[in-house]
Amino acid sequence: MNDAQEFLLSKKTMQILSEIYKNNSNTYIAKLAKVSDTSYSHAVRVVSKLEKLGIIKTERVGRKAVVTLTEMGKELAEHIYEIFRISSIL
């Protein structure tokens, strides 16, 4: 497994992608940090890596960065969201 695969399959990364998907691809980094139970700085690092991989994009709105999924990100996040949804039923 390469570094990108390990990163994408980490629990925090999957939680962040699932949350972005759940919010219709429009959320703030602070909310992602809270939902994934991680620090703001760690969430920023995860978002930065996801952006470099072409999975998300960020846009400044005032002082906050709004995080949205790219087309590839939507496809990936949809699968991850379904995994979380199904596993919560079990």
C-alpha atoms as a PDB file:
ATOM      1  CA  MET A   1       0.000   0.000   0.000  1.00  0.00           C
ATOM      2  CA  ASN A   2       1.462   3.380  -0.947  1.00  0.00           C
ATOM      3  CA  ASP A   3       1.422   6.555   1.195  1.00  0.00           C
ATOM      4  CA  ALA A   4      -1.614   8.070  -0.563  1.00  0.00           C
ATOM      5  CA  GLN A   5      -3.632   4.888  -0.026  1.00  0.00           C
ATOM      6  CA  GLU A   6      -2.679   4.710   3.653  1.00  0.00           C
ATOM      7  CA  PHE A   7      -3.606   8.374   4.079  1.00  0.00           C
ATOM      8  CA  LEU A   8      -6.984   7.956   2.349  1.00  0.00           C
ATOM      9  CA  LEU A   9      -7.828   4.873   4.404  1.00  0.00           C
ATOM     10  CA  SER A  10      -6.991   6.454   7.762  1.00  0.00           C
ATOM     11  CA  LYS A  11      -9.943   6.874  10.102  1.00  0.00           C
ATOM     12  CA  LYS A  12      -9.613  10.680  10.416  1.00  0.00           C
ATOM     13  CA  THR A  13      -9.372  11.197   6.660  1.00  0.00           C
ATOM     14  CA  MET A  14     -12.408   9.023   6.052  1.00  0.00           C
ATOM     15  CA  GLN A  15     -14.372  10.866   8.762  1.00  0.00           C
ATOM     16  CA  ILE A  16     -13.489  14.213   7.187  1.00  0.00           C
ATOM     17  CA  LEU A  17     -14.469  13.089   3.676  1.00  0.00           C
ATOM     18  CA  SER A  18     -17.701  11.602   4.972  1.00  0.00           C
ATOM     19  CA  GLU A  19     -18.588  14.850   6.747  1.00  0.00           C
ATOM     20  CA  ILE A  20     -17.900  16.960   3.653  1.00  0.00           C
ATOM     21  CA  TYR A  21     -20.117  14.626   1.628  1.00  0.00           C
ATOM     22  CA  LYS A  22     -22.870  14.717   4.255  1.00  0.00           C
ATOM     23  CA  ASN A  23     -22.861  18.538   4.145  1.00  0.00           C
ATOM     24  CA  ASN A  24     -23.289  18.603   0.366  1.00  0.00           C
ATOM     25  CA  SER A  25     -19.634  19.407  -0.196  1.00  0.00           C
ATOM     26  CA  ASN A  26     -19.727  22.725   1.633  1.00  0.00           C
ATOM     27  CA  THR A  27     -18.204  22.950   5.105  1.00  0.00           C
ATOM     28  CA  TYR A  28     -15.533  24.664   7.181  1.00  0.00           C
ATOM     29  CA  ILE A  29     -12.267  23.225   8.477  1.00  0.00           C
ATOM     30  CA  ALA A  30     -13.188  24.003  12.096  1.00  0.00           C
ATOM     31  CA  LYS A  31     -16.306  21.842  11.779  1.00  0.00           C
ATOM     32  CA  LEU A  32     -14.277  19.044  10.197  1.00  0.00           C
ATOM     33  CA  ALA A  33     -11.849  19.146  13.122  1.00  0.00           C
ATOM     34  CA  LYS A  34     -14.691  18.922  15.618  1.00  0.00           C
ATOM     35  CA  VAL A  35     -16.489  16.075  13.843  1.00  0.00           C
ATOM     36  CA  SER A  36     -13.303  14.041  13.418  1.00  0.00           C
ATOM     37  CA  ASP A  37     -12.253  14.746  17.016  1.00  0.00           C
ATOM     38  CA  THR A  38      -8.915  16.177  15.994  1.00  0.00           C
ATOM     39  CA  SER A  39      -7.108  19.488  16.340  1.00  0.00           C
ATOM     40  CA  TYR A  40      -7.695  22.322  13.919  1.00  0.00           C
ATOM     41  CA  SER A  41      -4.064  22.154  12.756  1.00  0.00           C
ATOM     42  CA  HIS A  42      -4.355  18.422  12.033  1.00  0.00           C
ATOM     43  CA  ALA A  43      -7.570  19.020  10.068  1.00  0.00           C
ATOM     44  CA  VAL A  44      -5.754  21.708   8.063  1.00  0.00           C
ATOM     45  CA  ARG A  45      -2.980  19.206   7.227  1.00  0.00           C
ATOM     46  CA  VAL A  46      -5.531  16.579   6.144  1.00  0.00           C
ATOM     47  CA  VAL A  47      -7.403  19.133   3.999  1.00  0.00           C
ATOM     48  CA  SER A  48      -4.127  20.275   2.450  1.00  0.00           C
ATOM     49  CA  LYS A  49      -3.170  16.704   1.508  1.00  0.00           C
ATOM     50  CA  LEU A  50      -6.636  16.016   0.095  1.00  0.00           C
ATOM     51  CA  GLU A  51      -6.381  19.185  -1.980  1.00  0.00           C
ATOM     52  CA  LYS A  52      -2.976  18.133  -3.350  1.00  0.00           C
ATOM     53  CA  LEU A  53      -4.508  14.781  -4.344  1.00  0.00           C
ATOM     54  CA  GLY A  54      -7.292  16.595  -6.228  1.00  0.00           C
ATOM     55  CA  ILE A  55     -10.050  15.270  -3.978  1.00  0.00           C
ATOM     56  CA  ILE A  56     -11.187  18.582  -2.517  1.00  0.00           C
ATOM     57  CA  LYS A  57     -10.738  22.279  -3.118  1.00  0.00           C
ATOM     58  CA  THR A  58     -10.825  25.155  -0.681  1.00  0.00           C
ATOM     59  CA  GLU A  59     -12.051  28.674  -1.186  1.00  0.00           C
ATOM     60  CA  ARG A  60     -11.612  31.609   1.169  1.00  0.00           C
ATOM     61  CA  VAL A  61     -14.840  33.224   2.354  1.00  0.00           C
ATOM     62  CA  GLY A  62     -13.832  36.060   4.610  1.00  0.00           C
ATOM     63  CA  ARG A  63     -11.524  34.589   7.221  1.00  0.00           C
ATOM     64  CA  LYS A  64     -12.744  31.017   6.766  1.00  0.00           C
ATOM     65  CA  ALA A  65     -11.906  28.392   4.195  1.00  0.00           C
ATOM     66  CA  VAL A  66     -14.886  26.586   2.671  1.00  0.00           C
ATOM     67  CA  VAL A  67     -14.096  23.013   1.689  1.00  0.00           C
ATOM     68  CA  THR A  68     -15.808  21.420  -1.330  1.00  0.00           C
ATOM     69  CA  LEU A  69     -15.393  18.096  -3.088  1.00  0.00           C
ATOM     70  CA  THR A  70     -14.152  17.784  -6.648  1.00  0.00           C
ATOM     71  CA  GLU A  71     -15.912  15.331  -8.975  1.00  0.00           C
ATOM     72  CA  MET A  72     -13.387  12.637  -8.072  1.00  0.00           C
ATOM     73  CA  GLY A  73     -13.813  13.554  -4.404  1.00  0.00           C
ATOM     74  CA  LYS A  74     -17.603  13.223  -4.613  1.00  0.00           C
ATOM     75  CA  GLU A  75     -17.280   9.703  -5.961  1.00  0.00           C
ATOM     76  CA  LEU A  76     -14.769   8.669  -3.300  1.00  0.00           C
ATOM     77  CA  ALA A  77     -16.644  10.377  -0.447  1.00  0.00           C
ATOM     78  CA  GLU A  78     -19.934   8.765  -1.463  1.00  0.00           C
ATOM     79  CA  HIS A  79     -18.405   5.305  -1.010  1.00  0.00           C
ATOM     80  CA  ILE A  80     -16.821   6.249   2.308  1.00  0.00           C
ATOM     81  CA  TYR A  81     -20.085   7.754   3.551  1.00  0.00           C
ATOM     82  CA  GLU A  82     -21.920   4.534   2.684  1.00  0.00           C
ATOM     83  CA  ILE A  83     -19.320   2.481   4.572  1.00  0.00           C
ATOM     84  CA  PHE A  84     -19.860   4.640   7.677  1.00  0.00           C
ATOM     85  CA  ARG A  85     -23.639   4.460   7.280  1.00  0.00           C
ATOM     86  CA  ILE A  86     -23.695   0.684   6.900  1.00  0.00           C
ATOM     87  CA  SER A  87     -21.214   0.085   9.711  1.00  0.00           C
ATOM     88  CA  SER A  88     -23.320   2.153  12.100  1.00  0.00           C
ATOM     89  CA  ILE A  89     -26.261  -0.179  11.442  1.00  0.00           C
ATOM     90  CA  LEU A  90     -24.252  -3.305  12.304  1.00  0.00           C
END
